Amino acid sequence: QVQLVESGGGLVQAGGSLRLSCAASGRTFSNYAMGWFRQALGKEREFVANINWSGTLTNYADSVKGRFTISRHNAANTVYLQMNSLKPEDTASYYCAVDAGWSKRPEDYDYWGQGTQVTVSS
């Protein structure tokens, strides 16, 4: 069993920045890839970024490439999502999740946090 707790969301103006954190407990965090997903109101959950167990491989959705950066600190059991140049279309609930493999599909992820809301005003 894994527990994930996201934090760092909030209200920000377009062009601003936020850093999301996801604290994990309950398993050997460093063994697993981690992903960030988001879900806007009325839309399906979508992939944002993922990172492999060592932090040496990352993937990003085209919509966030060049603006968002995923990173992890295994000693602290935490994964981060630095979000810069935020746009109103980035408004969503953001979720972190654990992946035993290496996937961009939410159905392949085993454990999820409760989410943190990001709202970007224009």
Protein backbone atom coordinates (compact mmCIF):
# COMPACT_ATOMS: atom_id res chain seq x y z
CA GLN A 1 0.00 0.00 0.00
CA VAL A 2 1.19 3.50 -0.86
CA GLN A 3 -0.09 6.81 0.43
CA LEU A 4 0.43 9.91 -1.68
CA VAL A 5 -0.28 13.45 -0.55
CA GLU A 6 -0.11 16.36 -3.00
CA SER A 7 0.38 19.97 -1.97
CA GLY A 8 1.31 23.31 -3.46
CA GLY A 9 -1.75 24.11 -5.54
CA GLY A 10 -3.48 27.45 -5.46
CA LEU A 11 -4.65 30.46 -7.40
CA VAL A 12 -2.13 32.20 -9.63
CA GLN A 13 -2.25 34.74 -12.43
CA ALA A 14 -1.39 33.76 -15.97
CA GLY A 15 2.36 33.80 -16.45
CA GLY A 16 2.99 32.88 -12.84
CA SER A 17 4.56 29.80 -11.29
CA LEU A 18 3.70 27.11 -8.79
CA ARG A 19 5.57 24.11 -7.46
CA LEU A 20 3.57 21.02 -6.61
CA SER A 21 4.88 18.40 -4.22
CA CYS A 22 3.83 14.80 -3.75
CA ALA A 23 4.93 13.07 -0.57
CA ALA A 24 4.88 9.27 -0.61
CA SER A 25 4.87 6.73 2.18
CA GLY A 26 4.26 3.03 2.62
CA ARG A 27 6.58 1.53 0.00
CA THR A 28 10.10 1.86 -1.27
CA PHE A 29 9.51 5.05 -3.18
CA SER A 30 12.75 4.91 -5.10
CA ASN A 31 11.77 1.64 -6.83
CA TYR A 32 8.99 3.21 -8.87
CA ALA A 33 8.32 5.65 -11.63
CA MET A 34 6.05 8.52 -10.70
CA GLY A 35 3.63 10.52 -12.77
CA TRP A 36 1.64 13.72 -12.64
CA PHE A 37 -1.79 13.90 -14.21
CA ARG A 38 -4.46 16.56 -14.28
CA GLN A 39 -8.19 16.67 -14.69
CA ALA A 40 -10.13 19.77 -15.60
CA LEU A 41 -13.80 20.08 -14.82
CA GLY A 42 -15.82 17.97 -17.22
CA LYS A 43 -12.77 16.49 -18.91
CA GLU A 44 -10.89 13.22 -18.71
CA ARG A 45 -7.76 12.81 -16.65
CA GLU A 46 -4.70 13.52 -18.79
CA PHE A 47 -1.00 12.81 -18.56
CA VAL A 48 1.24 15.73 -17.64
CA ALA A 49 4.68 14.26 -16.92
CA ASN A 50 6.44 11.23 -15.53
CA ILE A 51 9.86 10.39 -14.17
CA ASN A 52 11.66 7.10 -13.78
CA TRP A 53 12.89 5.70 -10.47
CA SER A 54 16.30 7.36 -10.64
CA GLY A 55 15.20 10.68 -12.08
CA THR A 56 17.25 10.20 -15.25
CA LEU A 57 14.29 9.81 -17.64
CA THR A 58 11.31 12.11 -18.02
CA ASN A 59 8.36 12.55 -20.37
CA TYR A 60 6.09 15.53 -20.81
CA ALA A 61 2.80 16.20 -22.50
CA ASP A 62 3.25 18.49 -25.50
CA SER A 63 1.01 21.07 -23.85
CA VAL A 64 3.43 21.56 -20.93
CA LYS A 65 6.80 20.86 -22.54
CA GLY A 66 9.23 23.68 -21.90
CA ARG A 67 7.10 25.12 -19.09
CA PHE A 68 6.83 22.29 -16.53
CA THR A 69 9.63 20.30 -14.93
CA ILE A 70 9.22 17.06 -13.01
CA SER A 71 11.85 16.02 -10.49
CA ARG A 72 12.20 13.73 -7.51
CA HIS A 73 14.10 13.51 -4.27
CA ASN A 74 14.18 9.86 -3.29
CA ALA A 75 15.72 10.45 0.12
CA ALA A 76 12.71 12.63 0.93
CA ASN A 77 10.19 10.32 -0.80
CA THR A 78 8.92 13.29 -2.77
CA VAL A 79 8.26 14.10 -6.39
CA TYR A 80 7.83 17.67 -7.61
CA LEU A 81 6.23 19.46 -10.52
CA GLN A 82 7.59 22.94 -11.17
CA MET A 83 5.10 24.83 -13.30
CA ASN A 84 6.17 28.06 -14.98
CA SER A 85 4.46 30.37 -17.47
CA LEU A 86 1.09 29.09 -16.35
CA LYS A 87 -1.89 29.55 -18.63
CA PRO A 88 -5.62 29.54 -17.86
CA GLU A 89 -5.89 26.21 -19.69
CA ASP A 90 -3.61 24.67 -17.04
CA THR A 91 -6.45 25.04 -14.54
CA ALA A 92 -7.24 21.57 -13.18
CA SER A 93 -6.88 19.25 -10.25
CA TYR A 94 -3.37 17.78 -10.31
CA TYR A 95 -2.69 14.25 -9.14
CA CYS A 96 0.47 12.29 -8.56
CA ALA A 97 0.55 8.53 -9.01
CA VAL A 98 2.84 5.50 -8.71
CA ASP A 99 3.65 3.38 -11.75
CA ALA A 100 5.26 -0.05 -11.54
CA GLY A 101 6.09 0.26 -15.24
CA TRP A 102 6.70 3.22 -17.53
CA SER A 103 3.45 4.52 -18.92
CA LYS A 104 1.51 7.65 -19.81
CA ARG A 105 -1.86 5.99 -19.35
CA PRO A 106 -3.66 6.67 -16.07
CA GLU A 107 -5.09 3.13 -16.03
CA ASP A 108 -1.56 1.76 -15.67
CA TYR A 109 -0.95 3.62 -12.42
CA ASP A 110 -1.56 1.80 -9.17
CA TYR A 111 -1.87 4.43 -6.46
CA TRP A 112 -3.13 7.98 -6.54
CA GLY A 113 -3.14 10.99 -4.30
CA GLN A 114 -6.21 13.03 -3.51
CA GLY A 115 -5.23 15.87 -5.83
CA THR A 116 -4.44 19.54 -5.45
CA GLN A 117 -6.30 22.30 -7.26
CA VAL A 118 -4.48 24.70 -9.56
CA THR A 119 -6.41 27.70 -10.83
CA VAL A 120 -4.85 30.12 -13.29
CA SER A 121 -6.64 33.42 -13.81
CA SER A 122 -6.35 35.41 -17.01
